[in-house]
PDB file of N, CA and C in Angstrom:
ATOM      1  N   MET A   1      36.725 -44.344 -77.825  1.00  0.00           N
ATOM      2  CA  MET A   1      37.414 -43.984 -79.347  1.00  0.00           C
ATOM      3  C   MET A   1      36.816 -45.276 -80.117  1.00  0.00           C
ATOM      4  N   GLU A   2      35.699 -45.577 -80.272  1.00  0.00           N
ATOM      5  CA  GLU A   2      35.525 -46.356 -81.617  1.00  0.00           C
ATOM      6  C   GLU A   2      35.557 -45.630 -82.817  1.00  0.00           C
ATOM      7  N   ALA A   3      36.211 -45.923 -83.576  1.00  0.00           N
ATOM      8  CA  ALA A   3      36.394 -45.652 -85.241  1.00  0.00           C
ATOM      9  C   ALA A   3      35.675 -46.352 -85.969  1.00  0.00           C
ATOM     10  N   LYS A   4      34.677 -46.319 -86.992  1.00  0.00           N
ATOM     11  CA  LYS A   4      34.077 -46.719 -88.114  1.00  0.00           C
ATOM     12  C   LYS A   4      35.184 -47.219 -89.277  1.00  0.00           C
ATOM     13  N   SER A   5      35.819 -45.921 -89.615  1.00  0.00           N
ATOM     14  CA  SER A   5      36.482 -46.393 -90.897  1.00  0.00           C
ATOM     15  C   SER A   5      37.848 -46.752 -90.546  1.00  0.00           C
ATOM     16  N   GLU A   6      38.666 -47.695 -91.728  1.00  0.00           N
ATOM     17  CA  GLU A   6      39.894 -47.903 -91.367  1.00  0.00           C
ATOM     18  C   GLU A   6      40.767 -46.933 -91.660  1.00  0.00           C
ATOM     19  N   GLU A   7      40.410 -45.714 -91.974  1.00  0.00           N
ATOM     20  CA  GLU A   7      41.017 -44.229 -91.774  1.00  0.00           C
ATOM     21  C   GLU A   7      41.267 -43.988 -90.801  1.00  0.00           C
ATOM     22  N   ALA A   8      40.768 -43.829 -89.761  1.00  0.00           N
ATOM     23  CA  ALA A   8      40.412 -43.548 -88.779  1.00  0.00           C
ATOM     24  C   ALA A   8      40.840 -44.237 -87.358  1.00  0.00           C
ATOM     25  N   GLN A   9      40.766 -45.350 -87.822  1.00  0.00           N
ATOM     26  CA  GLN A   9      41.555 -46.482 -86.761  1.00  0.00           C
ATOM     27  C   GLN A   9      42.676 -46.297 -86.984  1.00  0.00           C
ATOM     28  N   ARG A  10      43.394 -46.224 -88.561  1.00  0.00           N
ATOM     29  CA  ARG A  10      44.612 -46.266 -88.992  1.00  0.00           C
ATOM     30  C   ARG A  10      45.170 -44.894 -87.916  1.00  0.00           C
ATOM     31  N   VAL A  11      44.834 -44.221 -88.002  1.00  0.00           N
ATOM     32  CA  VAL A  11      45.407 -42.738 -87.668  1.00  0.00           C
ATOM     33  C   VAL A  11      45.261 -42.784 -85.848  1.00  0.00           C
ATOM     34  N   LEU A  12      44.548 -43.299 -85.152  1.00  0.00           N
ATOM     35  CA  LEU A  12      43.932 -43.426 -83.609  1.00  0.00           C
ATOM     36  C   LEU A  12      45.356 -44.564 -83.531  1.00  0.00           C
ATOM     37  N   CYS A  13      45.701 -45.662 -84.191  1.00  0.00           N
ATOM     38  CA  CYS A  13      46.770 -46.751 -83.874  1.00  0.00           C
ATOM     39  C   CYS A  13      47.998 -45.516 -84.079  1.00  0.00           C
ATOM     40  N   ALA A  14      48.135 -45.016 -84.897  1.00  0.00           N
ATOM     41  CA  ALA A  14      49.511 -44.332 -85.108  1.00  0.00           C
ATOM     42  C   ALA A  14      49.689 -43.251 -84.243  1.00  0.00           C
ATOM     43  N   LEU A  15      48.921 -42.856 -83.576  1.00  0.00           N
ATOM     44  CA  LEU A  15      48.880 -41.767 -82.362  1.00  0.00           C
ATOM     45  C   LEU A  15      49.166 -42.463 -81.079  1.00  0.00           C
ATOM     46  N   ASN A  16      48.539 -43.711 -81.158  1.00  0.00           N
ATOM     47  CA  ASN A  16      48.863 -44.413 -79.891  1.00  0.00           C
ATOM     48  C   ASN A  16      50.156 -45.015 -79.661  1.00  0.00           C
ATOM     49  N   ALA A  17      50.371 -45.326 -81.074  1.00  0.00           N
ATOM     50  CA  ALA A  17      51.797 -45.547 -81.217  1.00  0.00           C
ATOM     51  C   ALA A  17      53.254 -44.737 -80.866  1.00  0.00           C
ATOM     52  N   GLU A  18      52.688 -43.796 -81.119  1.00  0.00           N
ATOM     53  CA  GLU A  18      53.604 -42.585 -81.069  1.00  0.00           C
ATOM     54  C   GLU A  18      53.577 -42.059 -79.744  1.00  0.00           C
ATOM     55  N   LEU A  19      52.585 -42.373 -78.726  1.00  0.00           N
ATOM     56  CA  LEU A  19      52.258 -42.180 -77.445  1.00  0.00           C
ATOM     57  C   LEU A  19      53.213 -43.379 -76.496  1.00  0.00           C
ATOM     58  N   ALA A  20      52.989 -44.391 -77.092  1.00  0.00           N
ATOM     59  CA  ALA A  20      53.887 -45.859 -76.866  1.00  0.00           C
ATOM     60  C   ALA A  20      55.419 -45.251 -76.920  1.00  0.00           C
ATOM     61  N   ALA A  21      55.757 -45.119 -78.062  1.00  0.00           N
ATOM     62  CA  ALA A  21      57.279 -44.887 -78.513  1.00  0.00           C
ATOM     63  C   ALA A  21      58.094 -43.263 -77.381  1.00  0.00           C
ATOM     64  N   ALA A  22      57.313 -42.640 -77.171  1.00  0.00           N
ATOM     65  CA  ALA A  22      57.515 -41.266 -76.371  1.00  0.00           C
ATOM     66  C   ALA A  22      57.651 -41.895 -75.100  1.00  0.00           C
ATOM     67  N   ALA A  23      56.545 -42.832 -74.705  1.00  0.00           N
ATOM     68  CA  ALA A  23      56.440 -43.277 -72.979  1.00  0.00           C
ATOM     69  C   ALA A  23      57.960 -44.199 -72.885  1.00  0.00           C
ATOM     70  N   LYS A  24      58.264 -45.019 -74.031  1.00  0.00           N
ATOM     71  CA  LYS A  24      59.590 -45.900 -73.934  1.00  0.00           C
ATOM     72  C   LYS A  24      60.568 -45.049 -73.936  1.00  0.00           C
ATOM     73  N   GLU A  25      60.678 -44.197 -74.376  1.00  0.00           N
ATOM     74  CA  GLU A  25      62.009 -43.297 -74.190  1.00  0.00           C
ATOM     75  C   GLU A  25      61.991 -42.531 -73.097  1.00  0.00           C
ATOM     76  N   ALA A  26      60.890 -42.003 -72.650  1.00  0.00           N
ATOM     77  CA  ALA A  26      61.117 -41.297 -71.403  1.00  0.00           C
ATOM     78  C   ALA A  26      61.389 -42.284 -70.714  1.00  0.00           C
ATOM     79  N   GLY A  27      60.830 -43.762 -70.514  1.00  0.00           N
ATOM     80  CA  GLY A  27      61.125 -44.402 -69.133  1.00  0.00           C
ATOM     81  C   GLY A  27      59.906 -44.323 -68.565  1.00  0.00           C
ATOM     82  N   ARG A  28      58.771 -44.053 -68.595  1.00  0.00           N
ATOM     83  CA  ARG A  28      57.972 -43.729 -67.637  1.00  0.00           C
ATOM     84  C   ARG A  28      56.635 -43.863 -68.258  1.00  0.00           C
ATOM     85  N   GLU A  29      55.572 -44.174 -67.566  1.00  0.00           N
ATOM     86  CA  GLU A  29      54.392 -44.348 -68.404  1.00  0.00           C
ATOM     87  C   GLU A  29      53.348 -43.220 -69.216  1.00  0.00           C
ATOM     88  N   LEU A  30      52.816 -43.280 -70.200  1.00  0.00           N
ATOM     89  CA  LEU A  30      52.428 -41.829 -70.542  1.00  0.00           C
ATOM     90  C   LEU A  30      50.823 -42.279 -71.023  1.00  0.00           C
ATOM     91  N   VAL A  31      49.553 -41.655 -70.472  1.00  0.00           N
ATOM     92  CA  VAL A  31      48.654 -41.959 -70.980  1.00  0.00           C
ATOM     93  C   VAL A  31      47.619 -40.467 -71.814  1.00  0.00           C
ATOM     94  N   TRP A  32      46.717 -40.806 -72.208  1.00  0.00           N
ATOM     95  CA  TRP A  32      46.213 -39.406 -72.784  1.00  0.00           C
ATOM     96  C   TRP A  32      45.322 -38.878 -71.451  1.00  0.00           C
ATOM     97  N   SER A  33      45.329 -38.107 -71.327  1.00  0.00           N
ATOM     98  CA  SER A  33      44.407 -37.022 -70.567  1.00  0.00           C
ATOM     99  C   SER A  33      42.813 -37.198 -71.046  1.00  0.00           C
ATOM    100  N   ALA A  34      42.013 -36.929 -69.959  1.00  0.00           N
ATOM    101  CA  ALA A  34      40.506 -36.829 -70.354  1.00  0.00           C
ATOM    102  C   ALA A  34      40.447 -35.959 -71.419  1.00  0.00           C
ATOM    103  N   ALA A  35      40.882 -35.060 -71.744  1.00  0.00           N
ATOM    104  CA  ALA A  35      40.836 -33.846 -72.507  1.00  0.00           C
ATOM    105  C   ALA A  35      40.955 -34.002 -74.090  1.00  0.00           C
ATOM    106  N   GLU A  36      42.460 -34.754 -73.842  1.00  0.00           N
ATOM    107  CA  GLU A  36      42.815 -35.930 -74.995  1.00  0.00           C
ATOM    108  C   GLU A  36      41.919 -36.497 -75.729  1.00  0.00           C
ATOM    109  N   ARG A  37      41.536 -37.550 -74.736  1.00  0.00           N
ATOM    110  CA  ARG A  37      40.666 -38.697 -75.299  1.00  0.00           C
ATOM    111  C   ARG A  37      39.315 -38.130 -75.739  1.00  0.00           C
ATOM    112  N   GLU A  38      38.706 -37.172 -75.796  1.00  0.00           N
ATOM    113  CA  GLU A  38      37.558 -36.405 -76.126  1.00  0.00           C
ATOM    114  C   GLU A  38      38.201 -35.874 -77.559  1.00  0.00           C
ATOM    115  N   VAL A  39      39.391 -35.419 -77.326  1.00  0.00           N
ATOM    116  CA  VAL A  39      39.713 -34.741 -78.883  1.00  0.00           C
ATOM    117  C   VAL A  39      39.694 -36.038 -80.019  1.00  0.00           C
ATOM    118  N   LEU A  40      40.586 -36.838 -79.469  1.00  0.00           N
ATOM    119  CA  LEU A  40      40.548 -38.329 -79.871  1.00  0.00           C
ATOM    120  C   LEU A  40      39.345 -38.588 -80.860  1.00  0.00           C
ATOM    121  N   ASP A  41      38.102 -38.793 -79.649  1.00  0.00           N
ATOM    122  CA  ASP A  41      37.109 -38.951 -80.225  1.00  0.00           C
ATOM    123  C   ASP A  41      36.256 -38.012 -81.505  1.00  0.00           C
ATOM    124  N   LEU A  42      36.987 -36.669 -81.284  1.00  0.00           N
ATOM    125  CA  LEU A  42      36.242 -36.055 -82.160  1.00  0.00           C
ATOM    126  C   LEU A  42      36.978 -36.204 -83.425  1.00  0.00           C
ATOM    127  N   ILE A  43      38.466 -36.442 -83.192  1.00  0.00           N
ATOM    128  CA  ILE A  43      39.377 -36.825 -84.557  1.00  0.00           C
ATOM    129  C   ILE A  43      38.740 -38.055 -85.182  1.00  0.00           C
ATOM    130  N   THR A  44      38.269 -38.925 -84.534  1.00  0.00           N
ATOM    131  CA  THR A  44      37.896 -40.104 -85.514  1.00  0.00           C
ATOM    132  C   THR A  44      36.434 -40.097 -85.844  1.00  0.00           C
ATOM    133  N   GLU A  45      35.777 -38.971 -85.083  1.00  0.00           N
ATOM    134  CA  GLU A  45      34.663 -38.862 -86.111  1.00  0.00           C
ATOM    135  C   GLU A  45      34.465 -37.949 -86.879  1.00  0.00           C
ATOM    136  N   GLN A  46      35.571 -37.027 -86.886  1.00  0.00           N
ATOM    137  CA  GLN A  46      35.586 -36.178 -88.314  1.00  0.00           C
ATOM    138  C   GLN A  46      36.214 -37.046 -89.214  1.00  0.00           C
ATOM    139  N   ILE A  47      37.121 -38.140 -88.819  1.00  0.00           N
ATOM    140  CA  ILE A  47      37.687 -38.577 -89.959  1.00  0.00           C
ATOM    141  C   ILE A  47      36.597 -39.756 -91.030  1.00  0.00           C
ATOM    142  N   ASP A  48      35.544 -40.178 -90.030  1.00  0.00           N
ATOM    143  CA  ASP A  48      35.061 -41.050 -90.352  1.00  0.00           C
ATOM    144  C   ASP A  48      33.606 -40.232 -91.500  1.00  0.00           C
ATOM    145  N   ARG A  49      33.280 -38.920 -90.895  1.00  0.00           N
ATOM    146  CA  ARG A  49      32.620 -38.328 -91.785  1.00  0.00           C
ATOM    147  C   ARG A  49      33.477 -37.883 -93.465  1.00  0.00           C
ATOM    148  N   LYS A  50      34.690 -37.591 -93.237  1.00  0.00           N
ATOM    149  CA  LYS A  50      35.295 -36.961 -94.351  1.00  0.00           C
ATOM    150  C   LYS A  50      35.046 -38.186 -95.010  1.00  0.00           C
ATOM    151  N   VAL A  51      35.364 -39.669 -94.807  1.00  0.00           N
ATOM    152  CA  VAL A  51      35.270 -40.993 -95.453  1.00  0.00           C
ATOM    153  C   VAL A  51      34.114 -40.936 -95.810  1.00  0.00           C
ATOM    154  N   GLU A  52      32.753 -40.749 -95.429  1.00  0.00           N
ATOM    155  CA  GLU A  52      31.399 -40.670 -95.793  1.00  0.00           C
ATOM    156  C   GLU A  52      30.962 -39.771 -97.094  1.00  0.00           C
ATOM    157  N   LEU A  53      31.763 -38.645 -96.497  1.00  0.00           N
ATOM    158  CA  LEU A  53      31.732 -37.397 -97.858  1.00  0.00           C
ATOM    159  C   LEU A  53      32.256 -38.021 -98.937  1.00  0.00           C
ATOM    160  N   ALA A  54      33.360 -38.556 -98.590  1.00  0.00           N
ATOM    161  CA  ALA A  54      33.879 -38.711 -99.830  1.00  0.00           C
ATOM    162  C   ALA A  54      33.143 -40.038-101.003  1.00  0.00           C
ATOM    163  N   GLN A  55      32.679 -40.936-100.136  1.00  0.00           N
ATOM    164  CA  GLN A  55      31.707 -41.769-100.696  1.00  0.00           C
ATOM    165  C   GLN A  55      30.439 -41.241-101.652  1.00  0.00           C
ATOM    166  N   ARG A  56      30.413 -40.351-101.074  1.00  0.00           N
ATOM    167  CA  ARG A  56      29.162 -39.714-101.302  1.00  0.00           C
ATOM    168  C   ARG A  56      29.195 -38.739-102.496  1.00  0.00           C
ATOM    169  N   TYR A  57      30.624 -37.886-102.292  1.00  0.00           N
ATOM    170  CA  TYR A  57      31.205 -37.437-103.626  1.00  0.00           C
ATOM    171  C   TYR A  57      31.406 -38.565-104.891  1.00  0.00           C
ATOM    172  N   ASP A  58      31.864 -39.611-104.502  1.00  0.00           N
ATOM    173  CA  ASP A  58      31.766 -40.553-105.762  1.00  0.00           C
ATOM    174  C   ASP A  58      31.131 -41.284-106.115  1.00  0.00           C
ATOM    175  N   GLU A  59      29.595 -40.899-105.631  1.00  0.00           N
ATOM    176  CA  GLU A  59      28.270 -41.718-105.791  1.00  0.00           C
ATOM    177  C   GLU A  59      27.775 -40.318-106.604  1.00  0.00           C
ATOM    178  N   ALA A  60      27.938 -39.090-106.417  1.00  0.00           N
ATOM    179  CA  ALA A  60      27.054 -38.177-106.632  1.00  0.00           C
ATOM    180  C   ALA A  60      27.300 -38.117-108.379  1.00  0.00           C
ATOM    181  N   ASP A  61      26.101 -37.311-108.965  1.00  0.00           N
ATOM    182  CA  ASP A  61      25.938 -37.294-110.472  1.00  0.00           C
ATOM    183  C   ASP A  61      25.990 -35.686-110.891  1.00  0.00           C
ATOM    184  N   GLN A  62      25.302 -34.875-109.952  1.00  0.00           N
ATOM    185  CA  GLN A  62      25.379 -33.523-109.983  1.00  0.00           C
ATOM    186  C   GLN A  62      26.498 -32.948-109.658  1.00  0.00           C
ATOM    187  N   VAL A  63      27.019 -31.914-110.836  1.00  0.00           N
ATOM    188  CA  VAL A  63      27.996 -31.216-110.587  1.00  0.00           C
ATOM    189  C   VAL A  63      27.833 -30.092-109.388  1.00  0.00           C
ATOM    190  N   ARG A  64      27.037 -29.829-109.005  1.00  0.00           N
ATOM    191  CA  ARG A  64      26.093 -29.064-108.031  1.00  0.00           C
ATOM    192  C   ARG A  64      26.487 -29.609-106.748  1.00  0.00           C
ATOM    193  N   VAL A  65      26.274 -30.794-106.519  1.00  0.00           N
ATOM    194  CA  VAL A  65      26.426 -31.813-105.670  1.00  0.00           C
ATOM    195  C   VAL A  65      27.584 -32.045-105.062  1.00  0.00           C
ATOM    196  N   LYS A  66      28.418 -32.235-106.479  1.00  0.00           N
ATOM    197  CA  LYS A  66      29.919 -32.823-106.205  1.00  0.00           C
ATOM    198  C   LYS A  66      30.886 -31.589-105.392  1.00  0.00           C
ATOM    199  N   ILE A  67      30.132 -30.378-105.846  1.00  0.00           N
ATOM    200  CA  ILE A  67      31.302 -28.855-105.340  1.00  0.00           C
ATOM    201  C   ILE A  67      30.632 -29.130-104.012  1.00  0.00           C
ATOM    202  N   ALA A  68      29.773 -29.283-103.482  1.00  0.00           N
ATOM    203  CA  ALA A  68      29.239 -28.892-102.330  1.00  0.00           C
ATOM    204  C   ALA A  68      29.918 -29.851-101.516  1.00  0.00           C
ATOM    205  N   LEU A  69      29.830 -31.112-101.972  1.00  0.00           N
ATOM    206  CA  LEU A  69      30.670 -32.057-100.929  1.00  0.00           C
ATOM    207  C   LEU A  69      31.806 -31.727-101.361  1.00  0.00           C
ATOM    208  N   ALA A  70      32.809 -31.535-102.085  1.00  0.00           N
ATOM    209  CA  ALA A  70      34.171 -31.415-102.034  1.00  0.00           C
ATOM    210  C   ALA A  70      34.572 -30.211-101.015  1.00  0.00           C
ATOM    211  N   THR A  71      33.339 -29.426-100.630  1.00  0.00           N
ATOM    212  CA  THR A  71      33.485 -28.271 -99.927  1.00  0.00           C
ATOM    213  C   THR A  71      34.034 -28.835 -98.628  1.00  0.00           C
ATOM    214  N   GLU A  72      33.104 -29.386 -98.524  1.00  0.00           N
ATOM    215  CA  GLU A  72      32.517 -30.432 -97.090  1.00  0.00           C
ATOM    216  C   GLU A  72      34.017 -31.034 -96.851  1.00  0.00           C
ATOM    217  N   VAL A  73      34.073 -31.690 -97.694  1.00  0.00           N
ATOM    218  CA  VAL A  73      35.597 -32.915 -97.260  1.00  0.00           C
ATOM    219  C   VAL A  73      36.658 -31.575 -97.058  1.00  0.00           C
ATOM    220  N   ARG A  74      36.786 -30.732 -97.479  1.00  0.00           N
ATOM    221  CA  ARG A  74      37.896 -29.804 -97.785  1.00  0.00           C
ATOM    222  C   ARG A  74      37.685 -29.400 -96.397  1.00  0.00           C
ATOM    223  N   LEU A  75      36.404 -28.762 -95.807  1.00  0.00           N
ATOM    224  CA  LEU A  75      36.376 -27.948 -94.485  1.00  0.00           C
ATOM    225  C   LEU A  75      36.550 -29.212 -93.397  1.00  0.00           C
ATOM    226  N   THR A  76      36.085 -30.421 -93.236  1.00  0.00           N
ATOM    227  CA  THR A  76      36.264 -31.384 -92.738  1.00  0.00           C
ATOM    228  C   THR A  76      38.031 -31.617 -92.435  1.00  0.00           C
ATOM    229  N   GLU A  77      38.702 -31.553 -93.618  1.00  0.00           N
ATOM    230  CA  GLU A  77      39.844 -31.979 -93.686  1.00  0.00           C
ATOM    231  C   GLU A  77      40.770 -30.905 -92.738  1.00  0.00           C
ATOM    232  N   VAL A  78      40.079 -29.555 -92.930  1.00  0.00           N
ATOM    233  CA  VAL A  78      40.763 -28.410 -92.105  1.00  0.00           C
ATOM    234  C   VAL A  78      40.815 -28.683 -90.493  1.00  0.00           C
ATOM    235  N   ALA A  79      39.450 -29.555 -90.163  1.00  0.00           N
ATOM    236  CA  ALA A  79      38.515 -29.371 -88.683  1.00  0.00           C
ATOM    237  C   ALA A  79      40.046 -30.729 -88.022  1.00  0.00           C
ATOM    238  N   ILE A  80      39.933 -31.344 -88.842  1.00  0.00           N
ATOM    239  CA  ILE A  80      40.841 -32.842 -88.625  1.00  0.00           C
ATOM    240  C   ILE A  80      42.812 -32.278 -88.492  1.00  0.00           C
ATOM    241  N   ALA A  81      42.854 -31.488 -89.075  1.00  0.00           N
ATOM    242  CA  ALA A  81      44.018 -31.205 -88.912  1.00  0.00           C
ATOM    243  C   ALA A  81      44.595 -29.889 -87.746  1.00  0.00           C
ATOM    244  N   ARG A  82      43.368 -28.994 -87.635  1.00  0.00           N
ATOM    245  CA  ARG A  82      43.284 -28.195 -86.124  1.00  0.00           C
ATOM    246  C   ARG A  82      43.198 -29.355 -85.143  1.00  0.00           C
ATOM    247  N   LEU A  83      42.584 -29.788 -85.059  1.00  0.00           N
ATOM    248  CA  LEU A  83      42.334 -31.106 -84.064  1.00  0.00           C
ATOM    249  C   LEU A  83      43.607 -31.973 -83.634  1.00  0.00           C
ATOM    250  N   LEU A  84      44.395 -32.184 -84.579  1.00  0.00           N
ATOM    251  CA  LEU A  84      45.375 -33.076 -84.640  1.00  0.00           C
ATOM    252  C   LEU A  84      46.585 -32.295 -84.247  1.00  0.00           C
ATOM    253  N   LYS A  85      46.480 -30.869 -84.284  1.00  0.00           N
ATOM    254  CA  LYS A  85      47.524 -30.099 -83.397  1.00  0.00           C
ATOM    255  C   LYS A  85      47.254 -29.985 -81.739  1.00  0.00           C
ATOM    256  N   THR A  86      46.193 -29.971 -81.445  1.00  0.00           N
ATOM    257  CA  THR A  86      46.102 -30.255 -80.114  1.00  0.00           C
ATOM    258  C   THR A  86      46.435 -31.321 -79.073  1.00  0.00           C
ATOM    259  N   ILE A  87      46.733 -32.460 -80.282  1.00  0.00           N
ATOM    260  CA  ILE A  87      47.619 -33.605 -79.588  1.00  0.00           C
ATOM    261  C   ILE A  87      48.630 -33.720 -79.529  1.00  0.00           C
ATOM    262  N   SER A  88      49.185 -33.882 -78.196  1.00  0.00           N
ATOM    263  CA  SER A  88      50.707 -34.391 -78.485  1.00  0.00           C
ATOM    264  C   SER A  88      51.328 -35.532 -77.671  1.00  0.00           C
ATOM    265  N   THR A  89      52.241 -36.237 -78.352  1.00  0.00           N
ATOM    266  CA  THR A  89      52.932 -37.429 -78.059  1.00  0.00           C
ATOM    267  C   THR A  89      54.008 -37.179 -77.462  1.00  0.00           C
ATOM    268  N   GLU A  90      54.186 -35.570 -77.106  1.00  0.00           N
ATOM    269  CA  GLU A  90      55.829 -35.215 -76.443  1.00  0.00           C
ATOM    270  C   GLU A  90      55.497 -35.767 -74.954  1.00  0.00           C
ATOM    271  N   VAL A  91      56.495 -36.013 -74.209  1.00  0.00           N
ATOM    272  CA  VAL A  91      56.657 -35.833 -72.920  1.00  0.00           C
ATOM    273  C   VAL A  91      56.601 -34.621 -72.264  1.00  0.00           C
ATOM    274  N   PRO A  92      55.900 -34.174 -71.366  1.00  0.00           N
ATOM    275  CA  PRO A  92      55.820 -33.234 -70.864  1.00  0.00           C
ATOM    276  C   PRO A  92      56.905 -32.309 -70.294  1.00  0.00           C
ATOM    277  N   VAL A  93      57.236 -31.424 -70.564  1.00  0.00           N
ATOM    278  CA  VAL A  93      58.432 -30.644 -69.538  1.00  0.00           C
ATOM    279  C   VAL A  93      58.341 -29.972 -68.785  1.00  0.00           C
ATOM    280  N   ASP A  94      59.161 -29.837 -67.787  1.00  0.00           N
ATOM    281  CA  ASP A  94      58.780 -28.598 -66.634  1.00  0.00           C
ATOM    282  C   ASP A  94      59.087 -27.148 -67.105  1.00  0.00           C
ATOM    283  N   PRO A  95      58.280 -26.247 -66.983  1.00  0.00           N
ATOM    284  CA  PRO A  95      58.825 -25.361 -67.528  1.00  0.00           C
ATOM    285  C   PRO A  95      60.025 -24.676 -66.781  1.00  0.00           C
ATOM    286  N   PRO A  96      60.415 -23.716 -67.770  1.00  0.00           N
ATOM    287  CA  PRO A  96      61.763 -23.102 -66.926  1.00  0.00           C
ATOM    288  C   PRO A  96      61.748 -22.778 -65.614  1.00  0.00           C
ATOM    289  N   LEU A  97      63.041 -22.298 -64.976  1.00  0.00           N
ATOM    290  CA  LEU A  97      62.681 -21.746 -63.686  1.00  0.00           C
ATOM    291  C   LEU A  97      62.761 -19.957 -63.998  1.00  0.00           C
ATOM    292  N   SER A  98      61.967 -19.275 -63.375  1.00  0.00           N
ATOM    293  CA  SER A  98      62.227 -17.728 -63.337  1.00  0.00           C
ATOM    294  C   SER A  98      63.406 -17.831 -62.918  1.00  0.00           C
ATOM    295  N   ALA A  99      63.953 -16.254 -63.367  1.00  0.00           N
ATOM    296  CA  ALA A  99      64.962 -15.853 -62.443  1.00  0.00           C
ATOM    297  C   ALA A  99      65.278 -15.765 -60.580  1.00  0.00           C
ATOM    298  N   THR A 100      64.233 -15.591 -60.279  1.00  0.00           N
ATOM    299  CA  THR A 100      63.695 -15.567 -58.988  1.00  0.00           C
ATOM    300  C   THR A 100      64.100 -16.848 -58.466  1.00  0.00           C
ATOM    301  N   SER A 101      63.417 -17.767 -58.924  1.00  0.00           N
ATOM    302  CA  SER A 101      63.394 -18.875 -58.752  1.00  0.00           C
ATOM    303  C   SER A 101      64.639 -19.870 -58.921  1.00  0.00           C
ATOM    304  N   MET A 102      65.479 -19.032 -59.526  1.00  0.00           N
ATOM    305  CA  MET A 102      67.040 -19.958 -59.651  1.00  0.00           C
ATOM    306  C   MET A 102      67.661 -19.449 -58.517  1.00  0.00           C
ATOM    307  N   LYS A 103      67.336 -17.818 -58.385  1.00  0.00           N
ATOM    308  CA  LYS A 103      68.671 -17.457 -57.266  1.00  0.00           C
ATOM    309  C   LYS A 103      68.154 -17.923 -55.842  1.00  0.00           C
ATOM    310  N   ALA A 104      67.023 -18.725 -55.757  1.00  0.00           N
ATOM    311  CA  ALA A 104      66.366 -19.044 -54.715  1.00  0.00           C
ATOM    312  C   ALA A 104      67.180 -20.372 -54.308  1.00  0.00           C
ATOM    313  N   ARG A 105      67.196 -21.280 -55.877  1.00  0.00           N
ATOM    314  CA  ARG A 105      67.685 -22.499 -55.519  1.00  0.00           C
ATOM    315  C   ARG A 105      69.005 -22.633 -55.284  1.00  0.00           C
ATOM    316  N   ARG A 106      69.860 -21.361 -55.831  1.00  0.00           N
ATOM    317  CA  ARG A 106      71.352 -21.106 -55.682  1.00  0.00           C
ATOM    318  C   ARG A 106      71.229 -20.893 -54.050  1.00  0.00           C
ATOM    319  N   ALA A 107      70.544 -20.104 -53.562  1.00  0.00           N
ATOM    320  CA  ALA A 107      70.822 -19.894 -51.989  1.00  0.00           C
ATOM    321  C   ALA A 107      70.542 -20.774 -50.915  1.00  0.00           C
ATOM    322  N   ALA A 108      69.405 -21.421 -51.274  1.00  0.00           N
ATOM    323  CA  ALA A 108      69.344 -22.687 -50.858  1.00  0.00           C
ATOM    324  C   ALA A 108      70.397 -23.934 -50.932  1.00  0.00           C
ATOM    325  N   GLN A 109      71.189 -24.293 -51.886  1.00  0.00           N
ATOM    326  CA  GLN A 109      71.881 -25.207 -52.274  1.00  0.00           C
ATOM    327  C   GLN A 109      73.252 -24.375 -51.509  1.00  0.00           C
ATOM    328  N   SER A 110      73.451 -23.504 -51.564  1.00  0.00           N
ATOM    329  CA  SER A 110      74.584 -22.740 -50.671  1.00  0.00           C
ATOM    330  C   SER A 110      74.355 -23.205 -49.142  1.00  0.00           C
ATOM    331  N   ARG A 111      73.445 -22.776 -48.947  1.00  0.00           N
ATOM    332  CA  ARG A 111      73.252 -22.834 -47.235  1.00  0.00           C
ATOM    333  C   ARG A 111      73.260 -24.424 -46.962  1.00  0.00           C
ATOM    334  N   TRP A 112      72.640 -25.426 -47.506  1.00  0.00           N
ATOM    335  CA  TRP A 112      73.088 -26.722 -47.667  1.00  0.00           C
ATOM    336  C   TRP A 112      74.679 -27.070 -47.917  1.00  0.00           C
ATOM    337  N   ASP A 113      75.235 -26.858 -48.964  1.00  0.00           N
ATOM    338  CA  ASP A 113      76.499 -26.735 -48.741  1.00  0.00           C
ATOM    339  C   ASP A 113      77.404 -26.380 -47.673  1.00  0.00           C
ATOM    340  N   ARG A 114      77.344 -25.269 -47.027  1.00  0.00           N
ATOM    341  CA  ARG A 114      77.697 -24.999 -46.035  1.00  0.00           C
ATOM    342  C   ARG A 114      77.577 -25.966 -44.793  1.00  0.00           C
ATOM    343  N   GLU A 115      76.270 -26.428 -44.190  1.00  0.00           N
ATOM    344  CA  GLU A 115      75.999 -27.268 -43.545  1.00  0.00           C
ATOM    345  C   GLU A 115      76.387 -28.905 -44.017  1.00  0.00           C
ATOM    346  N   ARG A 116      76.651 -28.836 -44.971  1.00  0.00           N
ATOM    347  CA  ARG A 116      77.308 -30.271 -45.062  1.00  0.00           C
ATOM    348  C   ARG A 116      78.561 -30.504 -44.821  1.00  0.00           C
ATOM    349  N   ALA A 117      79.553 -29.231 -45.447  1.00  0.00           N
ATOM    350  CA  ALA A 117      80.700 -29.051 -45.143  1.00  0.00           C
ATOM    351  C   ALA A 117      81.333 -28.686 -43.767  1.00  0.00           C
ATOM    352  N   ARG A 118      80.184 -28.086 -42.874  1.00  0.00           N
ATOM    353  CA  ARG A 118      80.692 -28.131 -41.009  1.00  0.00           C
ATOM    354  C   ARG A 118      80.211 -29.119 -40.586  1.00  0.00           C
ATOM    355  N   ARG A 119      79.131 -30.330 -41.047  1.00  0.00           N
ATOM    356  CA  ARG A 119      79.207 -31.746 -40.232  1.00  0.00           C
ATOM    357  C   ARG A 119      80.342 -32.689 -40.873  1.00  0.00           C
ATOM    358  N   ALA A 120      81.107 -32.216 -41.942  1.00  0.00           N
ATOM    359  CA  ALA A 120      82.194 -33.274 -42.762  1.00  0.00           C
ATOM    360  C   ALA A 120      83.514 -32.982 -42.110  1.00  0.00           C
ATOM    361  N   ALA A 121      83.523 -30.967 -41.656  1.00  0.00           N
ATOM    362  CA  ALA A 121      84.795 -31.129 -40.275  1.00  0.00           C
ATOM    363  C   ALA A 121      84.537 -31.226 -39.552  1.00  0.00           C
ATOM    364  N   GLN A 122      83.588 -31.723 -38.611  1.00  0.00           N
ATOM    365  CA  GLN A 122      83.051 -32.209 -37.056  1.00  0.00           C
ATOM    366  C   GLN A 122      83.402 -33.678 -37.081  1.00  0.00           C
ATOM    367  N   ARG A 123      83.210 -34.295 -38.025  1.00  0.00           N
ATOM    368  CA  ARG A 123      83.670 -35.953 -38.020  1.00  0.00           C
ATOM    369  C   ARG A 123      84.961 -35.994 -37.974  1.00  0.00           C
TER     370      ARG A 123
END
């Protein structure tokens, strides 16, 4: 995740800070998965490309070239936004239990409660 531009470095630092804050709040260590690291690389590459295109836009003299570069900048911004949506700094939550799983859990708990009550009565 080597970002060339300051903007890309700033975004990467902000995402890492969000992950660290979520980890601190959850009380456990959170790290980027391999897939998320690849997406972060893509994000930084796209941000670097956007910065480069914006510099070329500022240097361009012809209107036709400026229009083409502006279009590329907008498309790159859309790609960055789409990639950022795939990254989550939230603590992963367990999926909700199905009705069958909840019934099985209650049945098992009921058996354990009966066993505990029987052992307590024997003492």
